[in-house]
Amino acid sequence: MNHVEKLTKKAVQKFTNERVSVHSELESNLGLDSLDTIELLMELEHQLNIQIPDNYLHERLGSDWKKATVQQWIEAVSEKHYQ
C-alpha cells in the first residue's frame, strides 16, 4: 500500500463507521454525503499539500463524486500528487 492509498483510506475512515475497502462506494457503502466528499477533498489536499481542481475530479470521477469508489479516489489523488 502506497502513501497516497494509506492517507486516502485514513481520510475516508474519518467520515464513516463502516469498514473502508478500495471497492467501497463513498455514498452507497460508506454513507458519505456531498458535504463529506468536499471535506474529504479538502483533507486530502491539506495532507498531501496539493490542489485538486473541481474540474479535474469531474473528469476523473464523473459529475457525482460521492458515487465513486475509494479506489477511484486513490487513483485520482495519486495522479495529481505525483504530477
N, C-alpha and C. Protein backbone atom coordinates (compact mmCIF):
# COMPACT_ATOMS: atom_id res chain seq x y z
N MET A 1 0.85 -1.18 0.00
CA MET A 1 0.00 0.00 0.00
C MET A 1 0.89 1.24 0.00
N ASN A 2 0.66 2.15 -0.95
CA ASN A 2 1.50 3.34 -1.03
C ASN A 2 0.98 4.46 -0.11
N HIS A 3 1.75 5.51 -0.04
CA HIS A 3 1.48 6.64 0.84
C HIS A 3 0.10 7.26 0.57
N VAL A 4 -0.21 7.52 -0.69
CA VAL A 4 -1.48 8.15 -1.04
C VAL A 4 -2.65 7.23 -0.70
N GLU A 5 -2.49 5.94 -0.94
CA GLU A 5 -3.56 5.00 -0.62
C GLU A 5 -3.82 4.97 0.88
N LYS A 6 -2.78 4.94 1.68
CA LYS A 6 -2.94 4.95 3.14
C LYS A 6 -3.65 6.23 3.61
N LEU A 7 -3.19 7.38 3.10
CA LEU A 7 -3.79 8.65 3.51
C LEU A 7 -5.25 8.74 3.08
N THR A 8 -5.54 8.28 1.87
CA THR A 8 -6.91 8.35 1.37
C THR A 8 -7.83 7.48 2.20
N LYS A 9 -7.44 6.24 2.46
CA LYS A 9 -8.26 5.35 3.28
C LYS A 9 -8.46 5.91 4.68
N LYS A 10 -7.39 6.45 5.27
CA LYS A 10 -7.47 7.03 6.61
C LYS A 10 -8.41 8.24 6.61
N ALA A 11 -8.32 9.07 5.58
CA ALA A 11 -9.19 10.25 5.49
C ALA A 11 -10.64 9.84 5.33
N VAL A 12 -10.91 8.85 4.47
CA VAL A 12 -12.29 8.37 4.27
C VAL A 12 -12.84 7.80 5.59
N GLN A 13 -12.02 7.08 6.32
CA GLN A 13 -12.46 6.45 7.56
C GLN A 13 -12.95 7.47 8.59
N LYS A 14 -12.47 8.71 8.52
CA LYS A 14 -12.92 9.76 9.44
C LYS A 14 -14.40 10.08 9.28
N PHE A 15 -14.97 9.73 8.12
CA PHE A 15 -16.35 10.11 7.81
C PHE A 15 -17.35 8.96 7.93
N THR A 16 -16.87 7.78 8.34
CA THR A 16 -17.78 6.64 8.40
C THR A 16 -17.37 5.67 9.51
N ASN A 17 -18.35 4.92 9.97
CA ASN A 17 -18.08 3.85 10.93
C ASN A 17 -17.98 2.50 10.22
N GLU A 18 -18.22 2.50 8.92
CA GLU A 18 -18.16 1.28 8.13
C GLU A 18 -16.71 0.93 7.83
N ARG A 19 -16.47 -0.33 7.50
CA ARG A 19 -15.13 -0.78 7.09
C ARG A 19 -14.85 -0.25 5.70
N VAL A 20 -13.73 0.42 5.53
CA VAL A 20 -13.36 1.02 4.26
C VAL A 20 -12.50 0.05 3.46
N SER A 21 -12.94 -0.24 2.24
CA SER A 21 -12.12 -1.02 1.32
C SER A 21 -12.01 -0.24 0.01
N VAL A 22 -11.10 -0.63 -0.84
CA VAL A 22 -10.92 0.09 -2.10
C VAL A 22 -12.15 -0.04 -3.00
N HIS A 23 -12.98 -1.05 -2.76
CA HIS A 23 -14.17 -1.27 -3.57
C HIS A 23 -15.40 -0.54 -3.04
N SER A 24 -15.30 0.06 -1.87
CA SER A 24 -16.44 0.76 -1.26
C SER A 24 -16.77 2.02 -2.05
N GLU A 25 -18.08 2.22 -2.30
CA GLU A 25 -18.54 3.48 -2.87
C GLU A 25 -18.79 4.43 -1.71
N LEU A 26 -18.37 5.69 -1.90
CA LEU A 26 -18.46 6.65 -0.80
C LEU A 26 -19.88 6.82 -0.28
N GLU A 27 -20.84 6.94 -1.18
CA GLU A 27 -22.21 7.19 -0.74
C GLU A 27 -22.93 5.90 -0.34
N SER A 28 -23.05 4.96 -1.27
CA SER A 28 -23.92 3.81 -1.01
C SER A 28 -23.35 2.83 0.02
N ASN A 29 -22.03 2.65 0.06
CA ASN A 29 -21.45 1.70 1.01
C ASN A 29 -21.01 2.35 2.31
N LEU A 30 -20.53 3.60 2.23
CA LEU A 30 -19.93 4.23 3.41
C LEU A 30 -20.79 5.35 4.00
N GLY A 31 -21.84 5.77 3.29
CA GLY A 31 -22.76 6.76 3.82
C GLY A 31 -22.30 8.21 3.75
N LEU A 32 -21.29 8.51 2.93
CA LEU A 32 -20.83 9.89 2.81
C LEU A 32 -21.81 10.69 1.96
N ASP A 33 -22.03 11.94 2.33
CA ASP A 33 -22.88 12.82 1.54
C ASP A 33 -22.01 13.85 0.83
N SER A 34 -22.64 14.79 0.15
CA SER A 34 -21.90 15.78 -0.63
C SER A 34 -20.95 16.61 0.21
N LEU A 35 -21.40 17.03 1.38
CA LEU A 35 -20.54 17.81 2.27
C LEU A 35 -19.34 16.99 2.72
N ASP A 36 -19.58 15.72 3.02
CA ASP A 36 -18.47 14.84 3.42
C ASP A 36 -17.42 14.73 2.32
N THR A 37 -17.86 14.62 1.07
CA THR A 37 -16.89 14.47 -0.02
C THR A 37 -16.08 15.75 -0.22
N ILE A 38 -16.71 16.89 -0.01
CA ILE A 38 -15.97 18.16 -0.09
C ILE A 38 -14.94 18.24 1.03
N GLU A 39 -15.35 17.85 2.23
CA GLU A 39 -14.42 17.84 3.36
C GLU A 39 -13.30 16.83 3.14
N LEU A 40 -13.63 15.69 2.53
CA LEU A 40 -12.61 14.69 2.20
C LEU A 40 -11.60 15.27 1.22
N LEU A 41 -12.08 15.94 0.21
CA LEU A 41 -11.19 16.58 -0.77
C LEU A 41 -10.27 17.58 -0.08
N MET A 42 -10.83 18.42 0.78
CA MET A 42 -10.02 19.41 1.48
C MET A 42 -8.98 18.75 2.39
N GLU A 43 -9.37 17.67 3.04
CA GLU A 43 -8.46 16.93 3.91
C GLU A 43 -7.28 16.35 3.11
N LEU A 44 -7.58 15.77 1.97
CA LEU A 44 -6.52 15.19 1.14
C LEU A 44 -5.60 16.26 0.58
N GLU A 45 -6.18 17.38 0.16
CA GLU A 45 -5.36 18.49 -0.33
C GLU A 45 -4.41 18.97 0.76
N HIS A 46 -4.93 19.09 1.97
CA HIS A 46 -4.11 19.55 3.10
C HIS A 46 -3.02 18.53 3.43
N GLN A 47 -3.40 17.27 3.57
CA GLN A 47 -2.45 16.22 3.94
C GLN A 47 -1.31 16.07 2.93
N LEU A 48 -1.64 16.22 1.64
CA LEU A 48 -0.66 16.00 0.59
C LEU A 48 -0.06 17.29 0.04
N ASN A 49 -0.55 18.42 0.55
CA ASN A 49 -0.07 19.72 0.12
C ASN A 49 -0.18 19.89 -1.41
N ILE A 50 -1.39 19.59 -1.92
CA ILE A 50 -1.67 19.73 -3.35
C ILE A 50 -3.00 20.45 -3.52
N GLN A 51 -3.27 20.90 -4.72
CA GLN A 51 -4.55 21.47 -5.09
C GLN A 51 -5.20 20.55 -6.12
N ILE A 52 -6.45 20.22 -5.90
CA ILE A 52 -7.18 19.36 -6.82
C ILE A 52 -8.40 20.15 -7.30
N PRO A 53 -8.35 20.69 -8.51
CA PRO A 53 -9.48 21.48 -9.03
C PRO A 53 -10.74 20.63 -9.22
N ASP A 54 -11.91 21.25 -9.05
CA ASP A 54 -13.18 20.56 -9.22
C ASP A 54 -13.28 19.92 -10.60
N ASN A 55 -12.86 20.66 -11.64
CA ASN A 55 -12.99 20.12 -12.99
C ASN A 55 -12.14 18.86 -13.18
N TYR A 56 -11.02 18.77 -12.47
CA TYR A 56 -10.19 17.58 -12.53
C TYR A 56 -10.95 16.37 -11.97
N LEU A 57 -11.62 16.57 -10.85
CA LEU A 57 -12.39 15.47 -10.25
C LEU A 57 -13.57 15.09 -11.12
N HIS A 58 -14.21 16.07 -11.75
CA HIS A 58 -15.31 15.76 -12.66
C HIS A 58 -14.82 14.89 -13.81
N GLU A 59 -13.63 15.20 -14.33
CA GLU A 59 -13.06 14.40 -15.43
C GLU A 59 -12.70 12.99 -14.96
N ARG A 60 -12.14 12.87 -13.78
CA ARG A 60 -11.65 11.58 -13.28
C ARG A 60 -12.74 10.73 -12.63
N LEU A 61 -13.66 11.38 -11.92
CA LEU A 61 -14.64 10.63 -11.12
C LEU A 61 -16.07 10.75 -11.61
N GLY A 62 -16.31 11.62 -12.58
CA GLY A 62 -17.66 11.87 -13.03
C GLY A 62 -18.27 13.02 -12.25
N SER A 63 -19.46 13.40 -12.62
CA SER A 63 -20.07 14.58 -12.01
C SER A 63 -20.55 14.34 -10.58
N ASP A 64 -20.75 13.10 -10.20
CA ASP A 64 -21.22 12.80 -8.85
C ASP A 64 -20.13 12.05 -8.08
N TRP A 65 -19.23 12.81 -7.48
CA TRP A 65 -18.04 12.26 -6.81
C TRP A 65 -18.38 11.22 -5.76
N LYS A 66 -19.50 11.40 -5.06
CA LYS A 66 -19.81 10.50 -3.94
C LYS A 66 -20.18 9.10 -4.40
N LYS A 67 -20.44 8.91 -5.67
CA LYS A 67 -20.73 7.58 -6.19
C LYS A 67 -19.45 6.84 -6.58
N ALA A 68 -18.32 7.52 -6.54
CA ALA A 68 -17.04 6.90 -6.88
C ALA A 68 -16.59 5.96 -5.77
N THR A 69 -15.73 5.02 -6.15
CA THR A 69 -15.17 4.11 -5.15
C THR A 69 -13.93 4.73 -4.51
N VAL A 70 -13.53 4.16 -3.41
CA VAL A 70 -12.31 4.60 -2.74
C VAL A 70 -11.13 4.43 -3.70
N GLN A 71 -11.09 3.34 -4.46
CA GLN A 71 -10.01 3.12 -5.42
C GLN A 71 -9.96 4.22 -6.46
N GLN A 72 -11.10 4.66 -6.95
CA GLN A 72 -11.13 5.75 -7.93
C GLN A 72 -10.57 7.04 -7.33
N TRP A 73 -10.89 7.30 -6.08
CA TRP A 73 -10.34 8.46 -5.40
C TRP A 73 -8.83 8.33 -5.25
N ILE A 74 -8.37 7.14 -4.86
CA ILE A 74 -6.93 6.91 -4.70
C ILE A 74 -6.21 7.18 -6.02
N GLU A 75 -6.75 6.66 -7.12
CA GLU A 75 -6.13 6.85 -8.43
C GLU A 75 -6.09 8.32 -8.83
N ALA A 76 -7.20 9.01 -8.62
CA ALA A 76 -7.27 10.44 -8.99
C ALA A 76 -6.31 11.27 -8.16
N VAL A 77 -6.28 11.03 -6.86
CA VAL A 77 -5.39 11.79 -5.97
C VAL A 77 -3.93 11.44 -6.25
N SER A 78 -3.66 10.18 -6.50
CA SER A 78 -2.27 9.75 -6.80
C SER A 78 -1.77 10.44 -8.06
N GLU A 79 -2.60 10.46 -9.06
CA GLU A 79 -2.21 11.09 -10.33
C GLU A 79 -1.86 12.56 -10.12
N LYS A 80 -2.67 13.24 -9.33
CA LYS A 80 -2.43 14.67 -9.07
C LYS A 80 -1.20 14.84 -8.17
N HIS A 81 -1.05 13.98 -7.19
CA HIS A 81 0.06 14.08 -6.24
C HIS A 81 1.41 13.85 -6.91
N TYR A 82 1.48 12.92 -7.82
CA TYR A 82 2.75 12.56 -8.44
C TYR A 82 3.02 13.30 -9.74
N GLN A 83 2.22 14.31 -10.06
CA GLN A 83 2.46 15.13 -11.26
C GLN A 83 3.68 15.97 -11.09
